[in-house]
N, C-alpha and C. Protein backbone atom coordinates (compact mmCIF):
# COMPACT_ATOMS: atom_id res chain seq x y z
N MET A 1 -141.85 -128.41 -23.27
CA MET A 1 -143.25 -127.87 -23.56
C MET A 1 -143.81 -128.81 -22.77
N PHE A 2 -145.17 -128.05 -21.93
CA PHE A 2 -146.01 -127.99 -21.39
C PHE A 2 -147.63 -129.53 -21.71
N ALA A 3 -147.55 -128.62 -22.52
CA ALA A 3 -148.86 -129.84 -23.54
C ALA A 3 -148.42 -131.10 -23.73
N ALA A 4 -146.96 -131.53 -23.59
CA ALA A 4 -145.99 -132.70 -24.36
C ALA A 4 -146.06 -133.44 -23.01
N ALA A 5 -146.25 -132.67 -22.45
CA ALA A 5 -146.32 -133.24 -21.08
C ALA A 5 -147.35 -133.73 -20.08
N GLY A 6 -148.68 -133.82 -21.45
CA GLY A 6 -149.70 -134.15 -20.70
C GLY A 6 -150.66 -132.93 -20.44
N GLY A 7 -150.57 -131.47 -20.44
CA GLY A 7 -151.41 -130.24 -20.14
C GLY A 7 -151.95 -130.21 -21.41
N LEU A 8 -152.85 -129.76 -21.26
CA LEU A 8 -154.03 -128.77 -22.26
C LEU A 8 -153.81 -128.17 -23.11
N LEU A 9 -153.20 -126.72 -22.96
CA LEU A 9 -152.50 -126.12 -23.82
C LEU A 9 -151.04 -125.75 -23.37
N SER A 10 -150.24 -125.29 -24.50
CA SER A 10 -149.08 -123.77 -24.33
C SER A 10 -149.09 -123.20 -25.47
N TYR A 11 -149.30 -122.08 -24.66
CA TYR A 11 -148.53 -120.57 -25.31
C TYR A 11 -147.35 -119.20 -25.27
N GLY A 12 -146.45 -119.89 -25.98
CA GLY A 12 -145.05 -119.20 -25.80
C GLY A 12 -144.52 -118.96 -26.64
N PRO A 13 -142.94 -118.12 -26.03
CA PRO A 13 -142.13 -117.67 -27.32
C PRO A 13 -141.59 -118.88 -28.15
N ASP A 14 -141.33 -119.21 -28.89
CA ASP A 14 -140.84 -120.50 -29.67
C ASP A 14 -139.01 -120.06 -29.47
N PHE A 15 -138.97 -121.10 -29.41
CA PHE A 15 -137.41 -121.18 -28.28
C PHE A 15 -136.04 -121.44 -29.53
N ALA A 16 -136.96 -122.79 -30.54
CA ALA A 16 -135.98 -122.76 -31.78
C ALA A 16 -135.51 -121.81 -32.23
N ASP A 17 -136.32 -120.57 -32.84
CA ASP A 17 -136.54 -119.49 -33.57
C ASP A 17 -135.19 -118.20 -32.61
N GLN A 18 -136.16 -118.16 -31.61
CA GLN A 18 -134.44 -117.54 -30.54
C GLN A 18 -133.49 -117.95 -30.56
N TYR A 19 -133.17 -119.47 -30.93
CA TYR A 19 -131.72 -119.73 -30.52
C TYR A 19 -131.40 -119.09 -31.42
N ARG A 20 -132.25 -119.64 -32.62
CA ARG A 20 -131.74 -118.56 -34.42
C ARG A 20 -130.74 -117.49 -34.12
N ARG A 21 -132.12 -116.65 -34.02
CA ARG A 21 -131.53 -115.13 -33.92
C ARG A 21 -130.79 -114.73 -32.67
N ALA A 22 -130.59 -115.60 -31.32
CA ALA A 22 -129.08 -115.57 -30.58
C ALA A 22 -128.24 -115.68 -30.84
N ALA A 23 -127.55 -117.01 -32.21
CA ALA A 23 -126.32 -116.98 -33.26
C ALA A 23 -126.06 -116.12 -33.93
N SER A 24 -126.85 -114.95 -34.10
CA SER A 24 -126.15 -114.26 -34.80
C SER A 24 -125.63 -113.16 -34.08
N TYR A 25 -126.37 -112.10 -33.25
CA TYR A 25 -125.40 -112.06 -31.45
C TYR A 25 -124.08 -112.58 -31.28
N VAL A 26 -124.09 -113.34 -31.01
CA VAL A 26 -122.90 -114.29 -31.00
C VAL A 26 -121.64 -114.09 -31.93
N ASP A 27 -122.22 -113.96 -33.38
CA ASP A 27 -121.14 -113.68 -34.53
C ASP A 27 -120.90 -112.54 -34.46
N ARG A 28 -122.04 -111.56 -33.84
CA ARG A 28 -121.91 -109.87 -33.53
C ARG A 28 -120.54 -109.29 -32.08
N ILE A 29 -121.09 -110.54 -31.38
CA ILE A 29 -120.20 -109.40 -31.00
C ILE A 29 -118.51 -110.59 -30.88
N PHE A 30 -118.78 -112.09 -31.51
CA PHE A 30 -117.28 -112.06 -31.70
C PHE A 30 -116.42 -111.29 -33.49
N LYS A 31 -116.86 -110.64 -33.99
CA LYS A 31 -116.68 -109.67 -34.87
C LYS A 31 -116.27 -108.81 -34.34
N GLY A 32 -116.53 -108.47 -32.77
CA GLY A 32 -115.77 -107.40 -32.34
C GLY A 32 -116.99 -105.99 -31.40
N GLU A 33 -118.14 -106.33 -32.17
CA GLU A 33 -119.04 -105.48 -30.98
C GLU A 33 -119.13 -105.88 -29.31
N LYS A 34 -119.81 -104.69 -28.79
CA LYS A 34 -119.40 -104.59 -27.39
C LYS A 34 -120.65 -105.51 -26.60
N PRO A 35 -121.02 -106.49 -26.26
CA PRO A 35 -122.74 -106.40 -25.58
C PRO A 35 -123.36 -105.96 -25.26
N ALA A 36 -123.21 -104.23 -25.03
CA ALA A 36 -123.73 -103.81 -24.35
C ALA A 36 -124.16 -102.53 -24.83
N ASP A 37 -123.56 -102.73 -26.72
CA ASP A 37 -124.19 -101.87 -27.72
C ASP A 37 -124.93 -102.55 -28.13
N LEU A 38 -125.23 -103.75 -28.18
CA LEU A 38 -126.11 -104.22 -28.74
C LEU A 38 -128.11 -104.46 -28.61
N PRO A 39 -128.73 -104.33 -29.03
CA PRO A 39 -130.79 -104.11 -28.42
C PRO A 39 -130.83 -105.41 -27.86
N VAL A 40 -131.65 -105.36 -27.20
CA VAL A 40 -132.65 -105.90 -26.33
C VAL A 40 -133.36 -106.94 -27.71
N GLN A 41 -133.62 -107.51 -27.85
CA GLN A 41 -134.49 -108.06 -28.55
C GLN A 41 -135.43 -109.67 -27.82
N ALA A 42 -136.72 -108.87 -27.77
CA ALA A 42 -137.68 -109.80 -27.56
C ALA A 42 -138.95 -110.64 -28.42
N PRO A 43 -139.21 -112.01 -27.80
CA PRO A 43 -139.74 -112.40 -29.25
C PRO A 43 -140.71 -112.31 -30.11
N THR A 44 -140.47 -113.03 -31.17
CA THR A 44 -141.59 -112.19 -32.58
C THR A 44 -142.57 -113.16 -32.85
N LYS A 45 -141.44 -114.67 -32.11
CA LYS A 45 -142.29 -115.67 -33.19
C LYS A 45 -142.91 -116.25 -31.61
N TYR A 46 -144.20 -116.59 -31.78
CA TYR A 46 -145.32 -117.82 -30.68
C TYR A 46 -145.79 -118.92 -31.01
N GLU A 47 -145.66 -120.23 -29.71
CA GLU A 47 -146.17 -120.92 -30.66
C GLU A 47 -147.08 -121.55 -29.83
N LEU A 48 -148.90 -122.03 -30.24
CA LEU A 48 -149.27 -122.65 -29.72
C LEU A 48 -149.51 -124.13 -29.72
N VAL A 49 -149.74 -124.84 -28.63
CA VAL A 49 -149.47 -126.71 -29.38
C VAL A 49 -150.83 -126.75 -27.81
N ILE A 50 -151.83 -127.84 -29.42
CA ILE A 50 -153.16 -128.12 -28.07
C ILE A 50 -152.81 -129.29 -28.04
N ASN A 51 -153.53 -130.02 -27.04
CA ASN A 51 -152.91 -131.73 -26.75
C ASN A 51 -154.57 -132.29 -26.30
N LEU A 52 -154.85 -132.84 -27.56
CA LEU A 52 -156.39 -132.79 -27.67
C LEU A 52 -156.86 -134.13 -26.78
N LYS A 53 -156.06 -135.25 -26.04
CA LYS A 53 -156.14 -136.55 -25.58
C LYS A 53 -156.34 -135.34 -23.88
N THR A 54 -155.81 -135.03 -23.58
CA THR A 54 -155.79 -133.98 -22.26
C THR A 54 -157.89 -133.69 -23.03
N ALA A 55 -157.95 -132.71 -23.66
CA ALA A 55 -159.35 -132.26 -23.41
C ALA A 55 -160.72 -133.00 -23.97
N LYS A 56 -159.79 -134.14 -23.58
CA LYS A 56 -160.76 -135.20 -24.02
C LYS A 56 -161.18 -136.06 -22.75
N ALA A 57 -159.96 -136.12 -22.13
CA ALA A 57 -159.91 -136.64 -21.29
C ALA A 57 -161.29 -135.59 -20.48
N LEU A 58 -160.69 -134.53 -20.16
CA LEU A 58 -161.34 -133.31 -19.42
C LEU A 58 -162.77 -133.93 -20.17
N GLY A 59 -163.17 -134.17 -21.26
CA GLY A 59 -164.77 -133.89 -21.56
C GLY A 59 -164.32 -132.40 -22.30
N LEU A 60 -163.53 -131.69 -22.84
CA LEU A 60 -163.50 -130.36 -23.68
C LEU A 60 -163.29 -130.67 -24.86
N THR A 61 -164.41 -129.81 -25.61
CA THR A 61 -164.01 -129.59 -26.85
C THR A 61 -163.55 -127.99 -27.20
N ILE A 62 -162.29 -128.73 -28.12
CA ILE A 62 -161.43 -127.58 -28.70
C ILE A 62 -162.49 -126.70 -30.05
N PRO A 63 -162.70 -125.65 -30.16
CA PRO A 63 -163.31 -125.08 -31.65
C PRO A 63 -162.57 -125.63 -33.03
N ALA A 64 -163.00 -125.76 -33.54
CA ALA A 64 -162.46 -125.87 -35.52
C ALA A 64 -161.12 -124.59 -35.70
N SER A 65 -161.94 -123.56 -35.39
CA SER A 65 -161.19 -122.40 -35.74
C SER A 65 -159.96 -122.13 -34.98
N VAL A 66 -159.69 -122.28 -33.28
CA VAL A 66 -158.97 -122.87 -32.30
C VAL A 66 -157.71 -123.85 -32.72
N LEU A 67 -158.69 -124.94 -33.72
CA LEU A 67 -157.33 -125.73 -33.75
C LEU A 67 -156.67 -125.45 -35.11
N ALA A 68 -157.54 -124.71 -35.62
CA ALA A 68 -156.64 -124.16 -37.20
C ALA A 68 -155.16 -123.58 -36.44
N ARG A 69 -155.55 -122.88 -35.85
CA ARG A 69 -154.51 -121.68 -35.64
C ARG A 69 -153.32 -122.40 -35.08
N ALA A 70 -153.47 -123.24 -34.11
CA ALA A 70 -152.25 -124.07 -33.07
C ALA A 70 -151.35 -124.43 -34.39
N ASP A 71 -150.25 -124.43 -33.91
CA ASP A 71 -148.76 -124.75 -34.53
C ASP A 71 -148.90 -126.04 -34.84
N GLU A 72 -149.23 -127.16 -33.42
CA GLU A 72 -149.37 -128.00 -33.32
C GLU A 72 -150.01 -128.99 -32.49
N VAL A 73 -150.22 -129.92 -32.98
CA VAL A 73 -151.94 -130.43 -32.38
C VAL A 73 -151.62 -131.63 -31.80
N ILE A 74 -151.17 -132.10 -30.07
CA ILE A 74 -150.61 -133.71 -30.18
C ILE A 74 -152.71 -134.17 -30.37
N GLU A 75 -152.86 -135.48 -30.59
CA GLU A 75 -153.63 -136.15 -30.55
C GLU A 75 -153.60 -137.10 -29.35
């Protein structure tokens, strides 16, 4: 995760959710379905992470409305 490594923020797919959804595909393949017959799945859950320590170092103030929407805030 970019923000955990010191970046200001990161926004992208929730990988844990994608792994859970992939497990159902593996189950379907083991039960005999052909992988070519399975539909492609796009991410449905995204994650916003904000690093307040980096924001402070850059002299930025993150609005409370943005912080409220964040899935994780690193202080």
